[in-house]
């Protein structure tokens, strides 16, 4: 819905019930589900100024390497943002948590050396309008760890059915059938090394189980 003549509310994303669930589930998944190791891999080797899109409750903050001079962490959901602020106080690198969404990043052009998208592209309301590339310097990296479209007709069909029914309502607007690699390339990034994951590695597969972790780069020159 588009509001004419009105300024959208600061907290345009509001999922308080999901936020409480996610805050508990994500901590448990990090501790017992191996997610913390993926966060460590995602952020290894970063340096300079970093913008994190959809920081959630700030679980990435503890894994940023010391060469990072500053993290500007965007989180549109108020409850999760408050938790992220607490996590930022415990981080070993400077972290500034601010309201904002991928489609309207409140930062100047080419102001960051790297961007991080961690389990968030599935929830972006208007993915083609995401401004991640705009705020990265030429040659800057996008590190991504995202849910992905399943390989195979049946698992992908299950994902699409979930997305058309209750899954986004229950899980904060998450869409499991998006293909992050296609979306990242469509945004003008050059996709580099990546690997596919299944989370959890064993046991029943959920619509959100197929994931991909990797790096893309903003080209130095425009085509």
Protein backbone atom coordinates (compact mmCIF):
# COMPACT_ATOMS: atom_id res chain seq x y z
CA UNK A 1 0.00 0.00 0.00
CA UNK A 2 1.37 3.43 -0.94
CA UNK A 3 0.59 6.38 1.32
CA UNK A 4 0.14 9.64 -0.56
CA UNK A 5 1.05 12.88 1.09
CA UNK A 6 2.32 11.19 4.23
CA UNK A 7 5.74 10.26 5.52
CA UNK A 8 6.00 6.50 6.17
CA UNK A 9 6.49 5.64 9.85
CA UNK A 10 10.06 5.08 10.96
CA UNK A 11 9.28 1.52 11.97
CA UNK A 12 7.62 0.42 8.74
CA UNK A 13 8.52 -3.18 9.64
CA UNK A 14 6.71 -4.31 12.77
CA UNK A 15 6.72 -7.98 13.73
CA UNK A 16 6.80 -8.03 17.57
CA UNK A 17 5.71 -11.66 17.96
CA UNK A 18 8.20 -12.90 15.39
CA UNK A 19 10.90 -10.69 16.93
CA UNK A 20 10.47 -12.39 20.31
CA UNK A 21 10.53 -15.84 18.71
CA UNK A 22 13.54 -15.02 16.55
CA UNK A 23 15.51 -13.57 19.45
CA UNK A 24 15.29 -16.89 21.29
CA UNK A 25 15.51 -19.24 18.31
CA UNK A 26 18.52 -17.51 16.73
CA UNK A 27 20.57 -17.64 19.92
CA UNK A 28 19.85 -21.36 20.27
CA UNK A 29 20.65 -21.95 16.59
CA UNK A 30 23.99 -20.20 16.99
CA UNK A 31 24.91 -22.18 20.07
CA UNK A 32 23.64 -25.63 19.11
CA UNK A 33 22.93 -25.53 15.38
CA UNK A 34 26.31 -24.45 14.09
CA UNK A 35 25.16 -21.04 12.80
CA UNK A 36 27.89 -19.21 14.71
CA UNK A 37 30.56 -20.96 12.63
CA UNK A 38 28.87 -19.77 9.43
CA UNK A 39 28.81 -16.21 10.75
CA UNK A 40 32.53 -16.48 11.46
CA UNK A 41 33.17 -17.69 7.91
CA UNK A 42 30.94 -15.00 6.44
CA UNK A 43 32.80 -12.13 8.09
CA UNK A 44 36.39 -13.43 8.00
CA UNK A 45 38.86 -11.02 6.43
CA UNK A 46 36.64 -7.96 6.36
CA UNK A 47 38.19 -4.55 6.95
CA UNK A 48 37.30 -0.87 6.81
CA UNK A 49 33.74 0.46 7.02
CA UNK A 50 30.96 -2.12 6.80
CA UNK A 51 27.21 -1.73 6.44
CA UNK A 52 25.10 -4.64 7.68
CA UNK A 53 21.61 -4.94 6.25
CA UNK A 54 18.96 -6.27 8.63
CA UNK A 55 21.15 -6.90 11.66
CA UNK A 56 18.36 -8.56 13.64
CA UNK A 57 19.40 -9.00 17.26
CA UNK A 58 23.06 -8.41 16.46
CA UNK A 59 24.46 -11.93 16.50
CA UNK A 60 26.99 -11.09 13.80
CA UNK A 61 28.61 -8.35 15.87
CA UNK A 62 30.78 -10.68 17.96
CA UNK A 63 32.33 -12.14 14.82
CA UNK A 64 33.61 -9.01 13.07
CA UNK A 65 37.42 -9.06 12.81
CA UNK A 66 39.50 -6.33 14.39
CA UNK A 67 40.44 -4.83 11.01
CA UNK A 68 36.86 -3.51 10.69
CA UNK A 69 36.95 0.16 11.66
CA UNK A 70 33.17 0.65 11.90
CA UNK A 71 29.93 -1.27 11.39
CA UNK A 72 26.75 0.60 10.59
CA UNK A 73 23.98 -1.91 11.27
CA UNK A 74 20.50 -1.31 9.86
CA UNK A 75 17.50 -2.95 11.51
CA UNK A 76 13.93 -1.86 10.74
CA UNK A 77 12.16 -3.87 13.47
CA UNK A 78 12.14 -1.97 16.77
CA UNK A 79 12.29 -4.92 19.16
CA UNK A 80 15.18 -6.54 17.32
CA UNK A 81 16.92 -3.19 16.99
CA UNK A 82 16.85 -2.72 20.76
CA UNK A 83 18.49 -6.12 21.20
CA UNK A 84 21.06 -5.23 18.54
CA UNK A 85 21.97 -2.07 20.45
CA UNK A 86 22.75 -4.20 23.51
CA UNK A 87 24.85 -6.56 21.39
CA UNK A 88 26.72 -3.58 19.92
CA UNK A 89 27.84 -2.54 23.41
CA UNK A 90 29.55 -5.92 23.80
CA UNK A 91 31.21 -5.94 20.37
CA UNK A 92 34.96 -5.58 20.00
CA UNK A 93 34.58 -3.26 16.99
CA UNK A 94 32.58 0.00 16.84
CA UNK A 95 28.96 -0.75 15.88
CA UNK A 96 26.30 1.89 15.28
CA UNK A 97 22.76 0.46 15.13
CA UNK A 98 20.28 2.60 13.19
CA UNK A 99 16.75 2.22 11.83
CA UNK A 100 16.62 1.57 8.12
CA UNK A 101 15.76 -0.93 5.43
CA UNK A 102 17.51 -2.25 2.33
CA UNK A 103 15.26 -0.21 0.03
CA UNK A 104 16.11 3.08 1.77
CA UNK A 105 19.60 2.98 3.27
CA UNK A 106 20.18 6.33 5.02
CA UNK A 107 23.82 6.59 3.93
CA UNK A 108 25.70 8.44 1.23
CA UNK A 109 26.82 6.88 -2.04
CA UNK A 110 29.96 4.72 -2.02
CA UNK A 111 30.56 5.23 1.70
CA UNK A 112 31.41 1.63 2.64
CA UNK A 113 34.13 -0.88 1.87
CA UNK A 114 31.86 -3.88 2.36
CA UNK A 115 28.26 -4.86 2.98
CA UNK A 116 26.85 -7.84 4.84
CA UNK A 117 23.50 -9.51 4.16
CA UNK A 118 22.86 -12.33 6.60
CA UNK A 119 19.53 -14.21 6.48
CA UNK A 120 17.76 -11.01 5.45
CA UNK A 121 17.22 -10.86 1.67
CA UNK A 122 14.34 -13.29 2.11
CA UNK A 123 12.44 -10.59 4.02
CA UNK A 124 13.17 -7.49 1.90
CA UNK A 125 9.82 -6.24 0.67
CA UNK A 126 11.02 -4.82 -2.65
CA UNK A 127 14.27 -6.60 -3.48
CA UNK A 128 14.94 -4.87 -6.85
CA UNK A 129 14.93 -1.52 -5.03
CA UNK A 130 17.56 -2.53 -2.48
CA UNK A 131 20.33 0.08 -2.28
CA UNK A 132 23.25 -2.07 -1.18
CA UNK A 133 25.21 -1.50 -4.37
CA UNK A 134 24.72 2.27 -4.16
CA UNK A 135 26.41 2.62 -0.78
CA UNK A 136 29.42 0.42 -1.66
CA UNK A 137 32.61 1.84 -3.13
CA UNK A 138 33.68 0.44 -6.51
CA UNK A 139 35.30 -2.93 -5.88
CA UNK A 140 33.55 -3.26 -2.52
CA UNK A 141 32.43 -6.68 -1.34
CA UNK A 142 28.99 -7.99 -0.52
CA UNK A 143 29.20 -10.90 1.90
CA UNK A 144 26.01 -12.96 1.89
CA UNK A 145 24.60 -15.85 3.91
CA UNK A 146 21.04 -16.40 2.75
CA UNK A 147 18.15 -18.78 2.41
CA UNK A 148 17.95 -20.01 -1.16
CA UNK A 149 15.69 -21.63 -3.68
CA UNK A 150 15.89 -25.40 -3.31
CA UNK A 151 17.32 -27.50 -6.11
CA UNK A 152 14.81 -30.04 -7.30
CA UNK A 153 11.24 -29.65 -8.48
CA UNK A 154 9.49 -30.98 -5.41
CA UNK A 155 11.40 -29.04 -2.70
CA UNK A 156 11.07 -25.85 -4.74
CA UNK A 157 7.32 -26.42 -5.14
CA UNK A 158 7.01 -26.86 -1.38
CA UNK A 159 8.83 -23.56 -0.87
CA UNK A 160 6.56 -21.72 -3.29
CA UNK A 161 3.48 -23.13 -1.62
CA UNK A 162 4.79 -22.08 1.79
CA UNK A 163 5.47 -18.57 0.50
CA UNK A 164 1.94 -18.26 -0.86
CA UNK A 165 0.34 -19.34 2.42
CA UNK A 166 1.42 -19.06 6.04
CA UNK A 167 5.22 -18.91 5.98
CA UNK A 168 5.65 -15.12 5.52
CA UNK A 169 2.96 -14.46 8.13
CA UNK A 170 4.62 -16.69 10.71
CA UNK A 171 8.24 -15.78 10.01
CA UNK A 172 8.41 -12.02 9.68
CA UNK A 173 7.89 -11.74 5.93
CA UNK A 174 10.40 -14.45 5.00
CA UNK A 175 10.10 -15.86 1.45
CA UNK A 176 11.91 -19.16 1.06
CA UNK A 177 11.69 -19.54 -2.73
CA UNK A 178 13.78 -16.51 -3.61
CA UNK A 179 17.07 -17.12 -5.37
CA UNK A 180 19.65 -14.81 -3.74
CA UNK A 181 22.31 -15.48 -6.37
CA UNK A 182 19.97 -14.37 -9.16
CA UNK A 183 18.92 -11.30 -7.14
CA UNK A 184 22.52 -10.32 -6.39
CA UNK A 185 23.55 -10.62 -10.04
CA UNK A 186 20.45 -8.69 -11.13
CA UNK A 187 21.53 -5.86 -8.80
CA UNK A 188 24.78 -5.50 -10.75
CA UNK A 189 27.18 -7.47 -8.57
CA UNK A 190 29.76 -9.94 -9.81
CA UNK A 191 29.21 -13.15 -7.82
CA UNK A 192 32.44 -14.77 -6.69
CA UNK A 193 33.05 -17.88 -4.62
CA UNK A 194 30.08 -19.37 -2.81
CA UNK A 195 28.95 -22.66 -1.36
CA UNK A 196 25.56 -24.20 -0.73
CA UNK A 197 24.54 -25.33 2.74
CA UNK A 198 21.70 -27.22 4.35
CA UNK A 199 20.57 -26.03 7.76
CA UNK A 200 20.22 -28.12 9.79
CA UNK A 201 22.74 -30.44 8.19
CA UNK A 202 20.83 -33.53 9.29
CA UNK A 203 17.24 -34.30 10.11
CA UNK A 204 14.03 -33.11 8.46
CA UNK A 205 14.44 -30.41 5.82
CA UNK A 206 12.45 -27.20 6.22
CA UNK A 207 11.53 -24.77 3.42
CA UNK A 208 14.25 -22.50 4.81
CA UNK A 209 16.93 -25.22 4.96
CA UNK A 210 18.69 -24.58 1.59
CA UNK A 211 21.19 -21.76 2.08
CA UNK A 212 24.09 -20.20 0.24
CA UNK A 213 27.15 -18.45 1.69
CA UNK A 214 29.56 -16.45 -0.41
CA UNK A 215 30.91 -13.16 -1.70
CA UNK A 216 30.08 -10.80 -4.55
CA UNK A 217 31.78 -7.62 -5.69
CA UNK A 218 30.65 -4.28 -7.02
CA UNK A 219 32.45 -3.73 -10.35
CA UNK A 220 35.13 -1.05 -10.51
CA UNK A 221 33.63 0.31 -13.72
CA UNK A 222 30.07 0.62 -14.95
CA UNK A 223 29.13 -1.28 -18.09
